[in-house]
């Protein structure tokens, strides 16, 4: 239900941003929205399982391997969707070819993946074999 409401409000916001960008010829806020809204959706998709894991109150660790292998490349694609057009990167950052050929599909998928991976990287710490033998 919450994801449906967020999608509905997000689409309304996108329509307003498109209209505003057409009237002002300033596309940067729309590009930021197109890049970051899928990240929010990816976070929302993973949130229920993350909450269940947090309810167990077991120690958690951050899985750097998953985050660096999947999350960082997805973050790169998300950031390169709007960073070359920002005042920070204007003129010296080039847009990756995959973004030029893929339209909005590539940043949308990358945003969903990055949002999901951020929460998925927090794992419940598994007990060591020594601790398991002590408990038995």
N, C-alpha and C. Protein backbone atom coordinates (compact mmCIF):
# COMPACT_ATOMS: atom_id res chain seq x y z
N UNK A 1 0.82 -1.19 0.00
CA UNK A 1 0.00 0.00 0.00
C UNK A 1 0.87 1.25 0.00
N UNK A 2 1.90 1.25 0.86
CA UNK A 2 2.76 2.43 0.96
C UNK A 2 3.52 2.66 -0.34
N UNK A 3 3.97 1.59 -0.97
CA UNK A 3 4.71 1.75 -2.23
C UNK A 3 3.78 2.32 -3.30
N UNK A 4 2.52 1.90 -3.30
CA UNK A 4 1.55 2.44 -4.27
C UNK A 4 1.33 3.93 -4.08
N UNK A 5 1.24 4.36 -2.82
CA UNK A 5 1.06 5.79 -2.54
C UNK A 5 2.30 6.57 -2.96
N UNK A 6 3.47 6.03 -2.64
CA UNK A 6 4.72 6.70 -3.02
C UNK A 6 4.83 6.79 -4.54
N UNK A 7 4.45 5.73 -5.25
CA UNK A 7 4.48 5.77 -6.72
C UNK A 7 3.51 6.81 -7.27
N UNK A 8 2.32 6.87 -6.70
CA UNK A 8 1.32 7.84 -7.17
C UNK A 8 1.80 9.27 -6.94
N UNK A 9 2.26 9.56 -5.73
CA UNK A 9 2.76 10.90 -5.43
C UNK A 9 4.01 11.20 -6.27
N UNK A 10 4.85 10.19 -6.47
CA UNK A 10 6.04 10.38 -7.28
C UNK A 10 5.72 10.71 -8.73
N UNK A 11 4.72 10.06 -9.27
CA UNK A 11 4.33 10.35 -10.66
C UNK A 11 3.72 11.75 -10.78
N UNK A 12 2.96 12.17 -9.75
CA UNK A 12 2.43 13.55 -9.74
C UNK A 12 3.57 14.56 -9.70
N UNK A 13 4.55 14.29 -8.85
CA UNK A 13 5.71 15.18 -8.75
C UNK A 13 6.49 15.21 -10.06
N UNK A 14 6.63 14.06 -10.70
CA UNK A 14 7.34 14.02 -11.97
C UNK A 14 6.61 14.83 -13.03
N UNK A 15 5.29 14.73 -13.08
CA UNK A 15 4.52 15.51 -14.05
C UNK A 15 4.70 17.00 -13.81
N UNK A 16 4.71 17.42 -12.55
CA UNK A 16 4.93 18.83 -12.24
C UNK A 16 6.34 19.27 -12.63
N UNK A 17 7.33 18.41 -12.37
CA UNK A 17 8.70 18.75 -12.74
C UNK A 17 8.87 18.85 -14.25
N UNK A 18 8.22 17.96 -15.00
CA UNK A 18 8.29 18.01 -16.46
C UNK A 18 7.69 19.32 -16.95
N UNK A 19 6.53 19.68 -16.42
CA UNK A 19 5.88 20.93 -16.83
C UNK A 19 6.74 22.13 -16.48
N UNK A 20 7.32 22.13 -15.27
CA UNK A 20 8.16 23.24 -14.84
C UNK A 20 9.42 23.34 -15.69
N UNK A 21 10.02 22.19 -16.01
CA UNK A 21 11.26 22.21 -16.80
C UNK A 21 10.98 22.66 -18.24
N UNK A 22 9.79 22.35 -18.76
CA UNK A 22 9.44 22.82 -20.10
C UNK A 22 9.23 24.33 -20.12
N UNK A 23 8.72 24.87 -19.05
CA UNK A 23 8.46 26.31 -19.02
C UNK A 23 9.70 27.13 -18.70
N UNK A 24 10.65 26.56 -17.94
CA UNK A 24 11.84 27.32 -17.55
C UNK A 24 13.10 26.93 -18.31
N UNK A 25 13.05 25.82 -19.05
CA UNK A 25 14.21 25.28 -19.78
C UNK A 25 15.36 24.92 -18.84
N UNK A 26 15.05 24.64 -17.60
CA UNK A 26 16.04 24.21 -16.63
C UNK A 26 15.74 22.76 -16.29
N UNK A 27 16.55 21.83 -16.80
CA UNK A 27 16.27 20.41 -16.70
C UNK A 27 16.93 19.70 -15.53
N UNK A 28 17.81 20.37 -14.83
CA UNK A 28 18.58 19.70 -13.78
C UNK A 28 17.71 19.08 -12.68
N UNK A 29 16.70 19.78 -12.12
CA UNK A 29 15.87 19.13 -11.09
C UNK A 29 15.15 17.88 -11.61
N UNK A 30 14.71 17.89 -12.85
CA UNK A 30 14.06 16.73 -13.43
C UNK A 30 15.05 15.57 -13.56
N UNK A 31 16.28 15.86 -13.95
CA UNK A 31 17.29 14.82 -14.07
C UNK A 31 17.63 14.22 -12.70
N UNK A 32 17.70 15.04 -11.69
CA UNK A 32 17.96 14.54 -10.34
C UNK A 32 16.81 13.65 -9.89
N UNK A 33 15.59 14.07 -10.17
CA UNK A 33 14.43 13.27 -9.80
C UNK A 33 14.43 11.93 -10.52
N UNK A 34 14.69 11.95 -11.83
CA UNK A 34 14.70 10.71 -12.61
C UNK A 34 15.77 9.75 -12.09
N UNK A 35 16.86 10.29 -11.57
CA UNK A 35 17.93 9.43 -11.06
C UNK A 35 17.64 8.92 -9.65
N UNK A 36 17.07 9.75 -8.78
CA UNK A 36 16.97 9.39 -7.37
C UNK A 36 15.64 8.74 -6.97
N UNK A 37 14.58 8.96 -7.72
CA UNK A 37 13.30 8.34 -7.37
C UNK A 37 13.37 6.81 -7.40
N UNK A 38 14.01 6.18 -8.39
CA UNK A 38 14.13 4.72 -8.34
C UNK A 38 14.94 4.22 -7.14
N UNK A 39 15.88 5.01 -6.65
CA UNK A 39 16.64 4.61 -5.46
C UNK A 39 15.69 4.51 -4.26
N UNK A 40 14.79 5.47 -4.15
CA UNK A 40 13.81 5.46 -3.06
C UNK A 40 12.90 4.24 -3.18
N UNK A 41 12.48 3.93 -4.39
CA UNK A 41 11.63 2.75 -4.60
C UNK A 41 12.40 1.47 -4.25
N UNK A 42 13.67 1.39 -4.64
CA UNK A 42 14.49 0.23 -4.28
C UNK A 42 14.63 0.08 -2.77
N UNK A 43 14.79 1.20 -2.06
CA UNK A 43 14.85 1.15 -0.60
C UNK A 43 13.52 0.65 -0.03
N UNK A 44 12.42 1.12 -0.59
CA UNK A 44 11.10 0.70 -0.09
C UNK A 44 10.84 -0.78 -0.36
N UNK A 45 11.33 -1.29 -1.47
CA UNK A 45 11.13 -2.71 -1.78
C UNK A 45 11.84 -3.59 -0.76
N UNK A 46 13.01 -3.18 -0.31
CA UNK A 46 13.81 -4.00 0.62
C UNK A 46 13.45 -3.73 2.09
N UNK A 47 12.74 -2.65 2.38
CA UNK A 47 12.46 -2.25 3.76
C UNK A 47 11.74 -3.31 4.58
N UNK A 48 10.69 -4.00 4.09
CA UNK A 48 10.02 -4.98 4.95
C UNK A 48 10.94 -6.09 5.47
N UNK A 49 11.78 -6.62 4.61
CA UNK A 49 12.70 -7.68 5.05
C UNK A 49 13.75 -7.11 6.01
N UNK A 50 14.18 -5.89 5.78
CA UNK A 50 15.15 -5.24 6.66
C UNK A 50 14.56 -5.04 8.05
N UNK A 51 13.29 -4.65 8.11
CA UNK A 51 12.62 -4.46 9.40
C UNK A 51 12.52 -5.79 10.14
N UNK A 52 12.19 -6.86 9.43
CA UNK A 52 12.12 -8.19 10.07
C UNK A 52 13.48 -8.60 10.62
N UNK A 53 14.54 -8.30 9.89
CA UNK A 53 15.88 -8.64 10.36
C UNK A 53 16.25 -7.79 11.58
N UNK A 54 15.80 -6.55 11.60
CA UNK A 54 16.12 -5.67 12.73
C UNK A 54 15.35 -6.08 14.00
N UNK A 55 14.17 -6.67 13.82
CA UNK A 55 13.37 -7.08 14.98
C UNK A 55 14.05 -8.19 15.77
N UNK A 56 14.89 -8.98 15.14
CA UNK A 56 15.58 -10.06 15.83
C UNK A 56 16.61 -9.56 16.83
N UNK A 57 17.01 -8.30 16.70
CA UNK A 57 17.98 -7.66 17.59
C UNK A 57 19.30 -8.44 17.68
N UNK A 58 19.70 -8.98 16.56
CA UNK A 58 20.98 -9.65 16.50
C UNK A 58 22.00 -8.68 15.92
N UNK A 59 23.28 -8.89 16.23
CA UNK A 59 24.30 -8.00 15.68
C UNK A 59 24.32 -8.06 14.15
N UNK A 60 24.52 -6.91 13.54
CA UNK A 60 24.53 -6.85 12.08
C UNK A 60 25.90 -6.41 11.60
N UNK A 61 26.26 -6.86 10.42
CA UNK A 61 27.50 -6.46 9.77
C UNK A 61 27.17 -5.91 8.40
N UNK A 62 28.08 -5.15 7.85
CA UNK A 62 27.90 -4.58 6.52
C UNK A 62 28.70 -5.41 5.54
N UNK A 63 28.05 -5.93 4.52
CA UNK A 63 28.70 -6.77 3.51
C UNK A 63 29.32 -5.87 2.44
N UNK A 64 30.61 -5.58 2.60
CA UNK A 64 31.31 -4.68 1.69
C UNK A 64 31.48 -5.30 0.30
N UNK A 65 31.52 -6.60 0.22
CA UNK A 65 31.73 -7.25 -1.07
C UNK A 65 30.53 -7.02 -1.98
N UNK A 66 29.33 -7.26 -1.47
CA UNK A 66 28.13 -7.03 -2.28
C UNK A 66 27.99 -5.55 -2.61
N UNK A 67 28.24 -4.70 -1.61
CA UNK A 67 28.09 -3.27 -1.84
C UNK A 67 29.07 -2.75 -2.89
N UNK A 68 30.32 -3.22 -2.81
CA UNK A 68 31.32 -2.72 -3.76
C UNK A 68 31.18 -3.36 -5.14
N UNK A 69 30.72 -4.61 -5.20
CA UNK A 69 30.61 -5.29 -6.49
C UNK A 69 29.34 -4.91 -7.25
N UNK A 70 28.25 -4.65 -6.54
CA UNK A 70 26.99 -4.35 -7.19
C UNK A 70 26.55 -2.92 -6.92
N UNK A 71 26.66 -2.48 -5.68
CA UNK A 71 26.16 -1.17 -5.30
C UNK A 71 26.93 0.00 -5.88
N UNK A 72 28.24 -0.06 -5.84
CA UNK A 72 29.03 1.07 -6.34
C UNK A 72 28.89 1.28 -7.86
N UNK A 73 28.91 0.23 -8.69
CA UNK A 73 28.65 0.47 -10.12
C UNK A 73 27.24 1.02 -10.37
N UNK A 74 26.27 0.55 -9.61
CA UNK A 74 24.91 1.08 -9.76
C UNK A 74 24.87 2.54 -9.32
N UNK A 75 25.57 2.88 -8.25
CA UNK A 75 25.64 4.27 -7.80
C UNK A 75 26.31 5.14 -8.85
N UNK A 76 27.35 4.63 -9.48
CA UNK A 76 28.02 5.38 -10.55
C UNK A 76 27.04 5.72 -11.67
N UNK A 77 26.25 4.75 -12.09
CA UNK A 77 25.28 5.01 -13.16
C UNK A 77 24.24 6.02 -12.71
N UNK A 78 23.78 5.90 -11.46
CA UNK A 78 22.78 6.85 -10.95
C UNK A 78 23.37 8.26 -10.91
N UNK A 79 24.57 8.39 -10.39
CA UNK A 79 25.18 9.72 -10.29
C UNK A 79 25.50 10.32 -11.65
N UNK A 80 25.93 9.48 -12.58
CA UNK A 80 26.28 10.00 -13.91
C UNK A 80 25.05 10.35 -14.74
N UNK A 81 23.87 10.07 -14.22
CA UNK A 81 22.65 10.48 -14.90
C UNK A 81 22.47 11.99 -14.80
N UNK A 82 22.86 12.57 -13.68
CA UNK A 82 22.66 14.02 -13.51
C UNK A 82 23.92 14.81 -13.20
N UNK A 83 24.97 14.18 -12.72
CA UNK A 83 26.16 14.91 -12.32
C UNK A 83 26.84 15.68 -13.47
N UNK A 84 26.92 15.14 -14.69
CA UNK A 84 27.55 15.92 -15.76
C UNK A 84 26.80 17.21 -16.10
N UNK A 85 25.53 17.29 -15.73
CA UNK A 85 24.73 18.47 -16.04
C UNK A 85 24.63 19.43 -14.87
N UNK A 86 25.24 19.06 -13.76
CA UNK A 86 25.20 19.91 -12.58
C UNK A 86 26.27 21.00 -12.70
N UNK A 87 26.17 22.04 -11.89
CA UNK A 87 27.23 23.05 -11.89
C UNK A 87 28.58 22.48 -11.49
N UNK A 88 28.57 21.38 -10.70
CA UNK A 88 29.82 20.74 -10.28
C UNK A 88 30.56 20.09 -11.44
N UNK A 89 29.83 19.39 -12.29
CA UNK A 89 30.47 18.60 -13.32
C UNK A 89 30.32 19.13 -14.73
N UNK A 90 29.71 20.29 -14.87
CA UNK A 90 29.47 20.83 -16.20
C UNK A 90 30.78 21.11 -16.92
N UNK A 91 30.91 20.54 -18.10
CA UNK A 91 32.07 20.82 -18.93
C UNK A 91 33.19 19.80 -18.83
N UNK A 92 33.38 19.14 -17.72
CA UNK A 92 34.52 18.23 -17.61
C UNK A 92 34.11 16.78 -17.38
N UNK A 93 32.86 16.50 -17.01
CA UNK A 93 32.39 15.12 -16.88
C UNK A 93 31.61 14.74 -18.13
N UNK A 94 31.95 13.62 -18.70
CA UNK A 94 31.19 13.18 -19.87
C UNK A 94 30.16 12.13 -19.46
N UNK A 95 29.09 12.07 -20.22
CA UNK A 95 28.02 11.11 -19.96
C UNK A 95 28.46 9.75 -20.49
N UNK A 96 28.37 8.68 -19.69
CA UNK A 96 28.73 7.34 -20.19
C UNK A 96 27.84 6.92 -21.35
N UNK A 97 28.40 6.18 -22.28
CA UNK A 97 27.66 5.78 -23.48
C UNK A 97 26.43 4.92 -23.17
N UNK A 98 26.52 4.12 -22.11
CA UNK A 98 25.38 3.27 -21.78
C UNK A 98 24.16 4.11 -21.45
N UNK A 99 24.37 5.29 -20.87
CA UNK A 99 23.25 6.17 -20.56
C UNK A 99 22.71 6.85 -21.81
N UNK A 100 23.58 7.10 -22.76
CA UNK A 100 23.12 7.73 -24.00
C UNK A 100 22.29 6.77 -24.84
N UNK A 101 22.63 5.49 -24.79
CA UNK A 101 21.92 4.50 -25.60
C UNK A 101 20.69 3.93 -24.91
N UNK A 102 20.68 3.88 -23.58
CA UNK A 102 19.61 3.20 -22.86
C UNK A 102 18.43 4.05 -22.47
N UNK A 103 18.48 5.35 -22.69
CA UNK A 103 17.37 6.21 -22.28
C UNK A 103 17.25 6.24 -20.76
N UNK A 104 16.02 6.22 -20.27
CA UNK A 104 15.82 6.26 -18.82
C UNK A 104 15.74 4.86 -18.21
N UNK A 105 15.78 3.83 -19.03
CA UNK A 105 15.69 2.46 -18.52
C UNK A 105 16.92 2.11 -17.68
N UNK A 106 18.09 2.43 -18.15
CA UNK A 106 19.33 2.07 -17.45
C UNK A 106 19.42 2.75 -16.10
N UNK A 107 19.21 4.08 -15.99
CA UNK A 107 19.28 4.68 -14.65
C UNK A 107 18.17 4.22 -13.73
N UNK A 108 17.01 3.88 -14.28
CA UNK A 108 15.92 3.38 -13.44
C UNK A 108 16.29 2.04 -12.82
N UNK A 109 16.79 1.13 -13.64
CA UNK A 109 17.19 -0.18 -13.12
C UNK A 109 18.36 -0.04 -12.14
N UNK A 110 19.32 0.81 -12.48
CA UNK A 110 20.47 1.02 -11.58
C UNK A 110 20.02 1.63 -10.26
N UNK A 111 19.07 2.53 -10.29
CA UNK A 111 18.56 3.13 -9.06
C UNK A 111 17.84 2.13 -8.19
N UNK A 112 17.01 1.29 -8.81
CA UNK A 112 16.33 0.23 -8.05
C UNK A 112 17.33 -0.72 -7.42
N UNK A 113 18.33 -1.11 -8.19
CA UNK A 113 19.35 -2.04 -7.69
C UNK A 113 20.13 -1.40 -6.55
N UNK A 114 20.54 -0.15 -6.71
CA UNK A 114 21.31 0.51 -5.67
C UNK A 114 20.51 0.66 -4.39
N UNK A 115 19.26 1.10 -4.49
CA UNK A 115 18.42 1.24 -3.30
C UNK A 115 18.24 -0.08 -2.58
N UNK A 116 18.04 -1.14 -3.33
CA UNK A 116 17.86 -2.47 -2.74
C UNK A 116 19.15 -2.94 -2.08
N UNK A 117 20.27 -2.76 -2.77
CA UNK A 117 21.57 -3.26 -2.28
C UNK A 117 22.02 -2.52 -1.03
N UNK A 118 21.68 -1.25 -0.90
CA UNK A 118 22.09 -0.51 0.30
C UNK A 118 21.55 -1.20 1.55
N UNK A 119 20.27 -1.55 1.54
CA UNK A 119 19.71 -2.23 2.72
C UNK A 119 20.07 -3.71 2.76
N UNK A 120 20.27 -4.31 1.61
CA UNK A 120 20.61 -5.73 1.58
C UNK A 120 22.04 -5.97 2.07
N UNK A 121 22.87 -4.96 2.05
CA UNK A 121 24.25 -5.11 2.49
C UNK A 121 24.36 -5.27 4.00
N UNK A 122 23.34 -4.87 4.72
CA UNK A 122 23.33 -5.08 6.17
C UNK A 122 22.83 -6.49 6.44
N UNK A 123 23.69 -7.33 6.94
CA UNK A 123 23.37 -8.74 7.17
C UNK A 123 23.45 -9.04 8.66
N UNK A 124 22.66 -10.02 9.08
CA UNK A 124 22.74 -10.50 10.46
C UNK A 124 24.05 -11.27 10.61
N UNK A 125 24.80 -10.92 11.62
CA UNK A 125 26.09 -11.56 11.84
C UNK A 125 25.87 -13.01 12.24
N UNK A 126 26.45 -13.91 11.48
CA UNK A 126 26.33 -15.33 11.78
C UNK A 126 27.31 -15.69 12.88
N UNK A 127 26.87 -16.57 13.75
CA UNK A 127 27.72 -17.01 14.86
C UNK A 127 28.86 -17.86 14.31
N UNK A 128 30.01 -17.74 14.92
CA UNK A 128 31.15 -18.54 14.50
C UNK A 128 30.94 -19.98 14.93
N UNK A 129 31.75 -20.87 14.41
CA UNK A 129 31.63 -22.30 14.75
C UNK A 129 31.94 -22.53 16.23
N UNK A 130 32.85 -21.74 16.79
CA UNK A 130 33.16 -21.86 18.21
C UNK A 130 31.92 -21.52 19.05
N UNK A 131 31.27 -20.45 18.70
CA UNK A 131 30.09 -20.02 19.46
C UNK A 131 28.96 -21.04 19.32
N UNK A 132 28.85 -21.65 18.14
CA UNK A 132 27.82 -22.68 17.95
C UNK A 132 28.10 -23.91 18.79
N UNK A 133 29.37 -24.29 18.92
CA UNK A 133 29.72 -25.47 19.73
C UNK A 133 29.46 -25.18 21.22
N UNK A 134 29.72 -23.94 21.64
CA UNK A 134 29.50 -23.58 23.03
C UNK A 134 28.00 -23.65 23.35
N UNK A 135 27.17 -23.22 22.43
CA UNK A 135 25.73 -23.24 22.68
C UNK A 135 25.18 -24.65 22.72
N UNK A 136 25.79 -25.58 22.01
CA UNK A 136 25.33 -26.96 22.01
C UNK A 136 25.74 -27.61 23.29
